[in-house]
């Protein structure tokens, strides 16, 4: 496979920075900047998320978002800013975000976080938004508990895949489809958490890594001949999109770099990223992906742009 070229990566980054972004999109952009070594840009992004912090602690709140957890994705860049350039404004903002997650955000009786402020639903997406930050900031137990709570509600043992949403009040799946991006959030979120925190309670790291590998392998069984996936992994009638390949590439390559996946997954990750790279147009846009703002049809999205960069940075780490 031809080596990835820096000019393309620059186009993808430029397109990402030109996009309007919601809180979680601001967060995953920050992750990409950090992984690419663009620390100062990540600091500026974190400062912008603090400027738009909701009084209850949610970072990057744009026009009263209803997401209960999405702003936490901005926390990693903010923690970097606090460490690199100590500032009371930033440290207080990070404390407010963590306090919201740990004590005040809406949650089920067992502590599993609800994804939105306005209803009692558990979403697969939440695992990426909160688990890495909790792990990074010294709360590996609560981080692992979120994985466990989401797994018990959303994970299908038969298929090895996650459903998208669970309704706590009805005690049943609200969106039972195995949405590709939702499964990508799960595997990428665990991979990032394992990268950010090497020390976990006894047996916890192995359990998380094993689960991530199981879900990754289940997703890979649905890969098409073009190297991509359907929007709903096991529904060939849904549209083909590129971001799931990038999310899984990021997880596979991160797992190899950090030693919890065998070296053979390096080729898997490279091939997944190569398939997505063929979808980058002359403007640097990855398309088609599950498209913003409602993620129900093919389009473009900041999260897809960011995951292209995250996968590229993970490939550099994996060698």
C-alpha atoms as a PDB file:
ATOM      1  CA  UNK A   1       0.000   0.000   0.000  1.00  0.00           C
ATOM      2  CA  UNK A   2       1.256   3.457  -0.855  1.00  0.00           C
ATOM      3  CA  UNK A   3       2.374   5.406   2.185  1.00  0.00           C
ATOM      4  CA  UNK A   4      -0.053   8.016   3.424  1.00  0.00           C
ATOM      5  CA  UNK A   5       0.834  11.469   2.159  1.00  0.00           C
ATOM      6  CA  UNK A   6       1.096  14.578   4.331  1.00  0.00           C
ATOM      7  CA  UNK A   7      -0.629  16.907   1.809  1.00  0.00           C
ATOM      8  CA  UNK A   8      -3.810  14.824   2.032  1.00  0.00           C
ATOM      9  CA  UNK A   9      -3.666  14.875   5.820  1.00  0.00           C
ATOM     10  CA  UNK A  10      -3.332  18.671   5.664  1.00  0.00           C
ATOM     11  CA  UNK A  11      -6.412  18.925   3.440  1.00  0.00           C
ATOM     12  CA  UNK A  12      -8.432  16.754   5.821  1.00  0.00           C
ATOM     13  CA  UNK A  13      -7.340  18.896   8.774  1.00  0.00           C
ATOM     14  CA  UNK A  14      -8.080  22.160   6.966  1.00  0.00           C
ATOM     15  CA  UNK A  15     -11.549  20.929   6.051  1.00  0.00           C
ATOM     16  CA  UNK A  16     -12.160  19.894   9.667  1.00  0.00           C
ATOM     17  CA  UNK A  17     -11.148  23.266  11.069  1.00  0.00           C
ATOM     18  CA  UNK A  18     -13.447  25.014   8.583  1.00  0.00           C
ATOM     19  CA  UNK A  19     -16.508  23.081   9.771  1.00  0.00           C
ATOM     20  CA  UNK A  20     -19.061  24.216  12.319  1.00  0.00           C
ATOM     21  CA  UNK A  21     -18.836  21.934  15.342  1.00  0.00           C
ATOM     22  CA  UNK A  22     -21.031  20.813  18.205  1.00  0.00           C
ATOM     23  CA  UNK A  23     -19.536  19.964  21.597  1.00  0.00           C
ATOM     24  CA  UNK A  24     -18.480  16.367  20.910  1.00  0.00           C
ATOM     25  CA  UNK A  25     -17.174  17.386  17.491  1.00  0.00           C
ATOM     26  CA  UNK A  26     -15.056  20.028  19.200  1.00  0.00           C
ATOM     27  CA  UNK A  27     -13.828  17.310  21.546  1.00  0.00           C
ATOM     28  CA  UNK A  28     -12.839  14.757  18.931  1.00  0.00           C
ATOM     29  CA  UNK A  29     -11.155  17.546  16.967  1.00  0.00           C
ATOM     30  CA  UNK A  30      -9.088  18.225  20.080  1.00  0.00           C
ATOM     31  CA  UNK A  31      -8.140  14.553  20.274  1.00  0.00           C
ATOM     32  CA  UNK A  32      -6.939  14.650  16.676  1.00  0.00           C
ATOM     33  CA  UNK A  33      -4.890  17.791  17.302  1.00  0.00           C
ATOM     34  CA  UNK A  34      -3.245  16.248  20.356  1.00  0.00           C
ATOM     35  CA  UNK A  35      -2.440  13.012  18.554  1.00  0.00           C
ATOM     36  CA  UNK A  36      -0.923  14.928  15.652  1.00  0.00           C
ATOM     37  CA  UNK A  37       1.278  16.884  18.059  1.00  0.00           C
ATOM     38  CA  UNK A  38      -0.519  20.179  17.426  1.00  0.00           C
ATOM     39  CA  UNK A  39      -0.552  21.084  21.094  1.00  0.00           C
ATOM     40  CA  UNK A  40      -1.009  24.839  20.822  1.00  0.00           C
ATOM     41  CA  UNK A  41      -4.017  24.458  18.540  1.00  0.00           C
ATOM     42  CA  UNK A  42      -5.469  22.000  21.048  1.00  0.00           C
ATOM     43  CA  UNK A  43      -5.025  24.580  23.825  1.00  0.00           C
ATOM     44  CA  UNK A  44      -6.895  27.177  21.786  1.00  0.00           C
ATOM     45  CA  UNK A  45      -9.668  24.691  21.085  1.00  0.00           C
ATOM     46  CA  UNK A  46      -9.947  23.921  24.800  1.00  0.00           C
ATOM     47  CA  UNK A  47     -10.170  27.606  25.628  1.00  0.00           C
ATOM     48  CA  UNK A  48     -13.056  27.971  23.191  1.00  0.00           C
ATOM     49  CA  UNK A  49     -14.834  25.049  24.878  1.00  0.00           C
ATOM     50  CA  UNK A  50     -14.433  26.781  28.234  1.00  0.00           C
ATOM     51  CA  UNK A  51     -15.843  30.004  26.802  1.00  0.00           C
ATOM     52  CA  UNK A  52     -18.974  28.064  25.883  1.00  0.00           C
ATOM     53  CA  UNK A  53     -19.189  26.012  29.084  1.00  0.00           C
ATOM     54  CA  UNK A  54     -22.708  25.589  30.440  1.00  0.00           C
ATOM     55  CA  UNK A  55     -23.164  26.727  34.059  1.00  0.00           C
ATOM     56  CA  UNK A  56     -23.727  23.100  35.057  1.00  0.00           C
ATOM     57  CA  UNK A  57     -20.248  22.167  33.810  1.00  0.00           C
ATOM     58  CA  UNK A  58     -20.816  20.819  30.294  1.00  0.00           C
ATOM     59  CA  UNK A  59     -18.010  22.043  28.053  1.00  0.00           C
ATOM     60  CA  UNK A  60     -18.492  23.426  24.565  1.00  0.00           C
ATOM     61  CA  UNK A  61     -22.235  23.950  24.968  1.00  0.00           C
ATOM     62  CA  UNK A  62     -23.543  25.440  21.720  1.00  0.00           C
ATOM     63  CA  UNK A  63     -26.969  27.083  21.811  1.00  0.00           C
ATOM     64  CA  UNK A  64     -28.273  24.944  24.650  1.00  0.00           C
ATOM     65  CA  UNK A  65     -27.366  21.472  23.400  1.00  0.00           C
ATOM     66  CA  UNK A  66     -29.425  18.690  24.957  1.00  0.00           C
ATOM     67  CA  UNK A  67     -26.457  16.348  25.272  1.00  0.00           C
ATOM     68  CA  UNK A  68     -25.677  15.402  28.859  1.00  0.00           C
ATOM     69  CA  UNK A  69     -22.260  13.898  28.131  1.00  0.00           C
ATOM     70  CA  UNK A  70     -21.008  15.156  24.774  1.00  0.00           C
ATOM     71  CA  UNK A  71     -19.132  18.148  26.163  1.00  0.00           C
ATOM     72  CA  UNK A  72     -16.925  15.829  28.197  1.00  0.00           C
ATOM     73  CA  UNK A  73     -15.120  14.955  24.980  1.00  0.00           C
ATOM     74  CA  UNK A  74     -13.565  18.442  25.227  1.00  0.00           C
ATOM     75  CA  UNK A  75     -12.075  17.577  28.593  1.00  0.00           C
ATOM     76  CA  UNK A  76      -8.923  15.871  27.338  1.00  0.00           C
ATOM     77  CA  UNK A  77      -7.726  18.962  25.464  1.00  0.00           C
ATOM     78  CA  UNK A  78      -8.648  21.078  28.476  1.00  0.00           C
ATOM     79  CA  UNK A  79      -6.620  18.869  30.800  1.00  0.00           C
ATOM     80  CA  UNK A  80      -3.689  19.241  28.439  1.00  0.00           C
ATOM     81  CA  UNK A  81      -4.108  23.016  28.566  1.00  0.00           C
ATOM     82  CA  UNK A  82      -4.181  22.950  32.382  1.00  0.00           C
ATOM     83  CA  UNK A  83      -0.988  20.872  32.506  1.00  0.00           C
ATOM     84  CA  UNK A  84       0.874  22.827  29.826  1.00  0.00           C
ATOM     85  CA  UNK A  85      -0.163  26.343  30.876  1.00  0.00           C
ATOM     86  CA  UNK A  86      -1.637  26.373  34.412  1.00  0.00           C
ATOM     87  CA  UNK A  87      -4.591  28.728  34.570  1.00  0.00           C
ATOM     88  CA  UNK A  88      -7.269  28.908  37.264  1.00  0.00           C
ATOM     89  CA  UNK A  89      -9.990  29.540  34.690  1.00  0.00           C
ATOM     90  CA  UNK A  90      -9.153  26.323  32.906  1.00  0.00           C
ATOM     91  CA  UNK A  91      -8.629  24.162  35.998  1.00  0.00           C
ATOM     92  CA  UNK A  92     -11.931  25.336  37.488  1.00  0.00           C
ATOM     93  CA  UNK A  93     -13.688  24.550  34.209  1.00  0.00           C
ATOM     94  CA  UNK A  94     -12.256  21.037  34.175  1.00  0.00           C
ATOM     95  CA  UNK A  95     -13.330  20.495  37.778  1.00  0.00           C
ATOM     96  CA  UNK A  96     -16.878  21.581  36.894  1.00  0.00           C
ATOM     97  CA  UNK A  97     -17.004  19.178  33.946  1.00  0.00           C
ATOM     98  CA  UNK A  98     -15.764  16.265  36.052  1.00  0.00           C
ATOM     99  CA  UNK A  99     -18.156  17.069  38.894  1.00  0.00           C
ATOM    100  CA  UNK A 100     -21.016  17.062  36.406  1.00  0.00           C
ATOM    101  CA  UNK A 101     -20.040  13.628  35.127  1.00  0.00           C
ATOM    102  CA  UNK A 102     -19.344  12.082  38.507  1.00  0.00           C
ATOM    103  CA  UNK A 103     -22.189  13.452  40.606  1.00  0.00           C
ATOM    104  CA  UNK A 104     -24.781  15.603  38.839  1.00  0.00           C
ATOM    105  CA  UNK A 105     -25.394  14.370  35.279  1.00  0.00           C
ATOM    106  CA  UNK A 106     -28.631  12.404  34.785  1.00  0.00           C
ATOM    107  CA  UNK A 107     -28.123   8.679  35.263  1.00  0.00           C
ATOM    108  CA  UNK A 108     -29.839   5.382  35.954  1.00  0.00           C
ATOM    109  CA  UNK A 109     -30.072   3.853  39.406  1.00  0.00           C
ATOM    110  CA  UNK A 110     -26.843   1.919  38.878  1.00  0.00           C
ATOM    111  CA  UNK A 111     -24.986   5.076  37.833  1.00  0.00           C
ATOM    112  CA  UNK A 112     -25.034   4.507  34.075  1.00  0.00           C
ATOM    113  CA  UNK A 113     -25.149   7.914  32.412  1.00  0.00           C
ATOM    114  CA  UNK A 114     -27.986   9.029  30.179  1.00  0.00           C
ATOM    115  CA  UNK A 115     -26.885  10.564  26.906  1.00  0.00           C
ATOM    116  CA  UNK A 116     -29.353  13.447  26.845  1.00  0.00           C
ATOM    117  CA  UNK A 117     -30.649  15.866  29.432  1.00  0.00           C
ATOM    118  CA  UNK A 118     -34.241  15.553  28.252  1.00  0.00           C
ATOM    119  CA  UNK A 119     -34.829  11.805  28.405  1.00  0.00           C
ATOM    120  CA  UNK A 120     -33.647   8.621  30.106  1.00  0.00           C
ATOM    121  CA  UNK A 121     -31.844   6.921  27.253  1.00  0.00           C
ATOM    122  CA  UNK A 122     -28.488   5.151  27.253  1.00  0.00           C
ATOM    123  CA  UNK A 123     -26.525   5.554  23.997  1.00  0.00           C
ATOM    124  CA  UNK A 124     -23.454   3.715  22.736  1.00  0.00           C
ATOM    125  CA  UNK A 125     -21.893   7.085  21.834  1.00  0.00           C
ATOM    126  CA  UNK A 126     -21.511   7.972  25.518  1.00  0.00           C
ATOM    127  CA  UNK A 127     -18.638   5.549  26.005  1.00  0.00           C
ATOM    128  CA  UNK A 128     -16.321   7.601  23.800  1.00  0.00           C
ATOM    129  CA  UNK A 129     -17.417  10.882  25.328  1.00  0.00           C
ATOM    130  CA  UNK A 130     -16.806  10.016  28.979  1.00  0.00           C
ATOM    131  CA  UNK A 131     -14.698   6.877  29.495  1.00  0.00           C
ATOM    132  CA  UNK A 132     -11.366   8.266  28.220  1.00  0.00           C
ATOM    133  CA  UNK A 133     -11.705  11.473  30.235  1.00  0.00           C
ATOM    134  CA  UNK A 134     -12.657   9.690  33.442  1.00  0.00           C
ATOM    135  CA  UNK A 135      -9.737   7.315  33.020  1.00  0.00           C
ATOM    136  CA  UNK A 136      -7.299  10.117  32.247  1.00  0.00           C
ATOM    137  CA  UNK A 137      -8.352  12.207  35.230  1.00  0.00           C
ATOM    138  CA  UNK A 138      -7.900   9.528  37.872  1.00  0.00           C
ATOM    139  CA  UNK A 139     -11.279   7.784  37.886  1.00  0.00           C
ATOM    140  CA  UNK A 140     -10.668   4.363  36.304  1.00  0.00           C
ATOM    141  CA  UNK A 141     -13.310   2.682  38.470  1.00  0.00           C
ATOM    142  CA  UNK A 142     -16.157   4.956  37.332  1.00  0.00           C
ATOM    143  CA  UNK A 143     -14.830   4.718  33.760  1.00  0.00           C
ATOM    144  CA  UNK A 144     -15.001   0.918  33.819  1.00  0.00           C
ATOM    145  CA  UNK A 145     -18.437   1.079  35.471  1.00  0.00           C
ATOM    146  CA  UNK A 146     -19.749   3.098  32.523  1.00  0.00           C
ATOM    147  CA  UNK A 147     -18.530   0.438  30.119  1.00  0.00           C
ATOM    148  CA  UNK A 148     -20.223  -2.218  32.230  1.00  0.00           C
ATOM    149  CA  UNK A 149     -23.532  -0.361  32.455  1.00  0.00           C
ATOM    150  CA  UNK A 150     -23.664   0.335  28.740  1.00  0.00           C
ATOM    151  CA  UNK A 151     -22.617  -3.213  27.921  1.00  0.00           C
ATOM    152  CA  UNK A 152     -25.412  -4.735  29.994  1.00  0.00           C
ATOM    153  CA  UNK A 153     -28.012  -2.641  28.195  1.00  0.00           C
ATOM    154  CA  UNK A 154     -26.744  -2.425  24.631  1.00  0.00           C
ATOM    155  CA  UNK A 155     -24.432  -5.350  23.903  1.00  0.00           C
ATOM    156  CA  UNK A 156     -25.780  -8.335  21.935  1.00  0.00           C
ATOM    157  CA  UNK A 157     -23.829 -11.462  22.855  1.00  0.00           C
ATOM    158  CA  UNK A 158     -25.018 -13.329  19.766  1.00  0.00           C
ATOM    159  CA  UNK A 159     -23.753 -10.850  17.202  1.00  0.00           C
ATOM    160  CA  UNK A 160     -20.965  -9.305  19.265  1.00  0.00           C
ATOM    161  CA  UNK A 161     -22.329  -5.871  18.363  1.00  0.00           C
ATOM    162  CA  UNK A 162     -23.889  -2.937  20.183  1.00  0.00           C
ATOM    163  CA  UNK A 163     -27.351  -1.575  19.637  1.00  0.00           C
ATOM    164  CA  UNK A 164     -27.553   2.193  19.387  1.00  0.00           C
ATOM    165  CA  UNK A 165     -29.968   3.209  22.182  1.00  0.00           C
ATOM    166  CA  UNK A 166     -31.733   1.845  25.259  1.00  0.00           C
ATOM    167  CA  UNK A 167     -34.799   3.338  26.947  1.00  0.00           C
ATOM    168  CA  UNK A 168     -34.445   3.029  30.716  1.00  0.00           C
ATOM    169  CA  UNK A 169     -38.098   3.734  31.524  1.00  0.00           C
ATOM    170  CA  UNK A 170     -39.377   1.021  29.175  1.00  0.00           C
ATOM    171  CA  UNK A 171     -36.440  -1.281  29.975  1.00  0.00           C
ATOM    172  CA  UNK A 172     -35.966  -2.111  26.314  1.00  0.00           C
ATOM    173  CA  UNK A 173     -33.954  -1.097  23.298  1.00  0.00           C
ATOM    174  CA  UNK A 174     -35.196   2.083  21.670  1.00  0.00           C
ATOM    175  CA  UNK A 175     -32.944   1.751  18.615  1.00  0.00           C
ATOM    176  CA  UNK A 176     -31.928  -1.912  18.328  1.00  0.00           C
ATOM    177  CA  UNK A 177     -30.058  -1.564  15.039  1.00  0.00           C
ATOM    178  CA  UNK A 178     -26.331  -2.262  15.095  1.00  0.00           C
ATOM    179  CA  UNK A 179     -25.352   1.223  13.951  1.00  0.00           C
ATOM    180  CA  UNK A 180     -21.822   1.205  12.632  1.00  0.00           C
ATOM    181  CA  UNK A 181     -20.818   4.536  14.113  1.00  0.00           C
ATOM    182  CA  UNK A 182     -22.185   3.515  17.513  1.00  0.00           C
ATOM    183  CA  UNK A 183     -19.998   0.420  17.526  1.00  0.00           C
ATOM    184  CA  UNK A 184     -17.105   2.583  16.388  1.00  0.00           C
ATOM    185  CA  UNK A 185     -17.629   4.909  19.357  1.00  0.00           C
ATOM    186  CA  UNK A 186     -17.494   1.936  21.730  1.00  0.00           C
ATOM    187  CA  UNK A 187     -14.291   0.384  20.379  1.00  0.00           C
ATOM    188  CA  UNK A 188     -12.528   3.718  19.862  1.00  0.00           C
ATOM    189  CA  UNK A 189     -13.561   4.943  23.307  1.00  0.00           C
ATOM    190  CA  UNK A 190     -12.138   1.889  25.054  1.00  0.00           C
ATOM    191  CA  UNK A 191      -8.979   2.062  22.961  1.00  0.00           C
ATOM    192  CA  UNK A 192      -8.447   5.702  23.854  1.00  0.00           C
ATOM    193  CA  UNK A 193      -9.096   5.083  27.538  1.00  0.00           C
ATOM    194  CA  UNK A 194      -6.554   2.257  27.592  1.00  0.00           C
ATOM    195  CA  UNK A 195      -4.024   4.499  25.894  1.00  0.00           C
ATOM    196  CA  UNK A 196      -4.535   7.433  28.260  1.00  0.00           C
ATOM    197  CA  UNK A 197      -4.308   5.400  31.464  1.00  0.00           C
ATOM    198  CA  UNK A 198      -1.911   2.451  31.678  1.00  0.00           C
ATOM    199  CA  UNK A 199      -2.768   1.536  35.309  1.00  0.00           C
ATOM    200  CA  UNK A 200      -6.245   0.124  36.006  1.00  0.00           C
ATOM    201  CA  UNK A 201      -7.710  -1.887  38.887  1.00  0.00           C
ATOM    202  CA  UNK A 202      -6.619  -5.524  38.844  1.00  0.00           C
ATOM    203  CA  UNK A 203      -7.966  -7.367  35.810  1.00  0.00           C
ATOM    204  CA  UNK A 204      -9.817  -4.326  34.494  1.00  0.00           C
ATOM    205  CA  UNK A 205      -7.447  -3.454  31.654  1.00  0.00           C
ATOM    206  CA  UNK A 206      -7.504  -7.041  30.380  1.00  0.00           C
ATOM    207  CA  UNK A 207     -11.303  -7.158  30.561  1.00  0.00           C
ATOM    208  CA  UNK A 208     -11.694  -3.889  28.658  1.00  0.00           C
ATOM    209  CA  UNK A 209      -9.137  -4.852  26.039  1.00  0.00           C
ATOM    210  CA  UNK A 210     -10.749  -8.254  25.517  1.00  0.00           C
ATOM    211  CA  UNK A 211     -14.176  -6.716  25.085  1.00  0.00           C
ATOM    212  CA  UNK A 212     -12.887  -4.124  22.630  1.00  0.00           C
ATOM    213  CA  UNK A 213     -11.247  -6.858  20.570  1.00  0.00           C
ATOM    214  CA  UNK A 214     -14.445  -8.912  20.548  1.00  0.00           C
ATOM    215  CA  UNK A 215     -16.524  -5.999  19.271  1.00  0.00           C
ATOM    216  CA  UNK A 216     -13.844  -5.041  16.738  1.00  0.00           C
ATOM    217  CA  UNK A 217     -13.742  -8.581  15.381  1.00  0.00           C
ATOM    218  CA  UNK A 218     -17.551  -8.712  15.179  1.00  0.00           C
ATOM    219  CA  UNK A 219     -17.587  -5.473  13.195  1.00  0.00           C
ATOM    220  CA  UNK A 220     -14.928  -6.757  10.796  1.00  0.00           C
ATOM    221  CA  UNK A 221     -17.126  -9.672   9.744  1.00  0.00           C
ATOM    222  CA  UNK A 222     -19.412  -7.120   8.069  1.00  0.00           C
ATOM    223  CA  UNK A 223     -16.714  -5.422   6.012  1.00  0.00           C
ATOM    224  CA  UNK A 224     -17.513  -5.177   2.317  1.00  0.00           C
ATOM    225  CA  UNK A 225     -15.260  -5.949  -0.674  1.00  0.00           C
ATOM    226  CA  UNK A 226     -14.464  -2.219  -0.953  1.00  0.00           C
ATOM    227  CA  UNK A 227     -13.120  -2.279   2.597  1.00  0.00           C
ATOM    228  CA  UNK A 228     -16.012  -0.179   3.949  1.00  0.00           C
ATOM    229  CA  UNK A 229     -19.132  -0.896   5.995  1.00  0.00           C
ATOM    230  CA  UNK A 230     -22.848  -0.253   5.801  1.00  0.00           C
ATOM    231  CA  UNK A 231     -24.280   2.437   8.064  1.00  0.00           C
ATOM    232  CA  UNK A 232     -26.086  -0.358   9.918  1.00  0.00           C
ATOM    233  CA  UNK A 233     -23.433  -3.026   9.994  1.00  0.00           C
ATOM    234  CA  UNK A 234     -25.647  -6.031   9.326  1.00  0.00           C
ATOM    235  CA  UNK A 235     -28.165  -4.293   7.055  1.00  0.00           C
ATOM    236  CA  UNK A 236     -26.987  -4.379   3.422  1.00  0.00           C
ATOM    237  CA  UNK A 237     -29.892  -2.110   2.528  1.00  0.00           C
ATOM    238  CA  UNK A 238     -28.370   0.769   4.473  1.00  0.00           C
ATOM    239  CA  UNK A 239     -25.903   3.081   2.756  1.00  0.00           C
ATOM    240  CA  UNK A 240     -22.172   2.435   2.586  1.00  0.00           C
ATOM    241  CA  UNK A 241     -20.072   4.940   4.485  1.00  0.00           C
ATOM    242  CA  UNK A 242     -16.402   5.484   5.343  1.00  0.00           C
ATOM    243  CA  UNK A 243     -16.169   6.603   8.953  1.00  0.00           C
ATOM    244  CA  UNK A 244     -16.682   3.224  10.599  1.00  0.00           C
ATOM    245  CA  UNK A 245     -13.568   2.004   8.775  1.00  0.00           C
ATOM    246  CA  UNK A 246     -11.628   4.961  10.204  1.00  0.00           C
ATOM    247  CA  UNK A 247     -12.900   4.435  13.741  1.00  0.00           C
ATOM    248  CA  UNK A 248     -12.017   0.752  13.635  1.00  0.00           C
ATOM    249  CA  UNK A 249      -8.644   1.551  12.071  1.00  0.00           C
ATOM    250  CA  UNK A 250      -7.928   3.914  14.954  1.00  0.00           C
ATOM    251  CA  UNK A 251      -8.859   1.246  17.508  1.00  0.00           C
ATOM    252  CA  UNK A 252      -6.902  -1.549  15.799  1.00  0.00           C
ATOM    253  CA  UNK A 253      -3.754   0.528  15.348  1.00  0.00           C
ATOM    254  CA  UNK A 254      -3.966   1.927  18.873  1.00  0.00           C
ATOM    255  CA  UNK A 255      -4.329  -1.595  20.233  1.00  0.00           C
ATOM    256  CA  UNK A 256      -1.208  -2.701  18.377  1.00  0.00           C
ATOM    257  CA  UNK A 257       0.783   0.362  19.470  1.00  0.00           C
ATOM    258  CA  UNK A 258      -0.225  -0.157  23.105  1.00  0.00           C
ATOM    259  CA  UNK A 259       0.244  -3.922  23.138  1.00  0.00           C
ATOM    260  CA  UNK A 260      -3.268  -5.207  23.749  1.00  0.00           C
ATOM    261  CA  UNK A 261      -3.790  -6.398  20.173  1.00  0.00           C
ATOM    262  CA  UNK A 262      -1.490  -8.749  18.246  1.00  0.00           C
ATOM    263  CA  UNK A 263       0.786  -7.267  15.588  1.00  0.00           C
ATOM    264  CA  UNK A 264      -1.406  -8.776  12.841  1.00  0.00           C
ATOM    265  CA  UNK A 265      -3.987  -6.075  13.515  1.00  0.00           C
ATOM    266  CA  UNK A 266      -1.509  -3.513  12.156  1.00  0.00           C
ATOM    267  CA  UNK A 267      -2.288  -4.706   8.624  1.00  0.00           C
ATOM    268  CA  UNK A 268      -6.002  -4.683   9.411  1.00  0.00           C
ATOM    269  CA  UNK A 269      -5.789  -1.074  10.553  1.00  0.00           C
ATOM    270  CA  UNK A 270      -3.685  -0.026   7.587  1.00  0.00           C
ATOM    271  CA  UNK A 271      -6.155  -1.605   5.166  1.00  0.00           C
ATOM    272  CA  UNK A 272      -9.137   0.001   6.858  1.00  0.00           C
ATOM    273  CA  UNK A 273      -7.519   3.420   6.700  1.00  0.00           C
ATOM    274  CA  UNK A 274      -6.527   2.856   3.069  1.00  0.00           C
ATOM    275  CA  UNK A 275     -10.141   2.113   2.186  1.00  0.00           C
ATOM    276  CA  UNK A 276     -11.263   5.347   3.851  1.00  0.00           C
ATOM    277  CA  UNK A 277      -8.434   7.290   2.217  1.00  0.00           C
ATOM    278  CA  UNK A 278      -9.888   6.446  -1.188  1.00  0.00           C
ATOM    279  CA  UNK A 279     -12.978   8.400  -0.098  1.00  0.00           C
ATOM    280  CA  UNK A 280     -11.157  11.704   0.524  1.00  0.00           C
ATOM    281  CA  UNK A 281     -12.067  14.215  -2.168  1.00  0.00           C
ATOM    282  CA  UNK A 282     -10.008  17.080  -3.562  1.00  0.00           C
ATOM    283  CA  UNK A 283     -11.304  19.411  -0.833  1.00  0.00           C
ATOM    284  CA  UNK A 284     -10.095  17.088   1.915  1.00  0.00           C
ATOM    285  CA  UNK A 285     -13.604  15.909   2.811  1.00  0.00           C
ATOM    286  CA  UNK A 286     -14.151  12.264   3.729  1.00  0.00           C
ATOM    287  CA  UNK A 287     -17.353  11.220   1.995  1.00  0.00           C
ATOM    288  CA  UNK A 288     -19.775   9.639   2.211  1.00  0.00           C
ATOM    289  CA  UNK A 289     -20.040   9.180   5.944  1.00  0.00           C
ATOM    290  CA  UNK A 290     -22.970   9.169   8.326  1.00  0.00           C
ATOM    291  CA  UNK A 291     -23.614  12.843   7.853  1.00  0.00           C
ATOM    292  CA  UNK A 292     -24.077  15.748  10.221  1.00  0.00           C
ATOM    293  CA  UNK A 293     -26.248  17.159  11.623  1.00  0.00           C
ATOM    294  CA  UNK A 294     -28.705  14.281  12.128  1.00  0.00           C
ATOM    295  CA  UNK A 295     -26.557  11.299  11.028  1.00  0.00           C
ATOM    296  CA  UNK A 296     -29.374   9.592   9.152  1.00  0.00           C
ATOM    297  CA  UNK A 297     -28.092   9.952   5.577  1.00  0.00           C
ATOM    298  CA  UNK A 298     -24.812  10.056   3.640  1.00  0.00           C
ATOM    299  CA  UNK A 299     -22.866  13.287   3.942  1.00  0.00           C
ATOM    300  CA  UNK A 300     -19.860  14.740   5.757  1.00  0.00           C
ATOM    301  CA  UNK A 301     -19.110  15.350   9.427  1.00  0.00           C
ATOM    302  CA  UNK A 302     -16.443  16.828  11.686  1.00  0.00           C
ATOM    303  CA  UNK A 303     -16.188  13.535  13.561  1.00  0.00           C
ATOM    304  CA  UNK A 304     -15.325  11.689  10.347  1.00  0.00           C
ATOM    305  CA  UNK A 305     -12.662  14.277   9.495  1.00  0.00           C
ATOM    306  CA  UNK A 306     -11.203  13.933  12.974  1.00  0.00           C
ATOM    307  CA  UNK A 307     -11.169  10.145  12.906  1.00  0.00           C
ATOM    308  CA  UNK A 308      -9.256  10.165   9.639  1.00  0.00           C
ATOM    309  CA  UNK A 309      -6.561  12.137  11.438  1.00  0.00           C
ATOM    310  CA  UNK A 310      -6.751   9.993  14.567  1.00  0.00           C
ATOM    311  CA  UNK A 311      -6.306   6.836  12.510  1.00  0.00           C
ATOM    312  CA  UNK A 312      -3.389   8.375  10.645  1.00  0.00           C
ATOM    313  CA  UNK A 313      -1.693   9.345  13.927  1.00  0.00           C
ATOM    314  CA  UNK A 314      -2.344   5.849  15.301  1.00  0.00           C
ATOM    315  CA  UNK A 315      -0.704   4.340  12.229  1.00  0.00           C
ATOM    316  CA  UNK A 316       2.404   6.418  12.892  1.00  0.00           C
ATOM    317  CA  UNK A 317       2.447   5.125  16.493  1.00  0.00           C
ATOM    318  CA  UNK A 318       1.930   1.502  15.432  1.00  0.00           C
ATOM    319  CA  UNK A 319       4.807   1.637  12.950  1.00  0.00           C
END
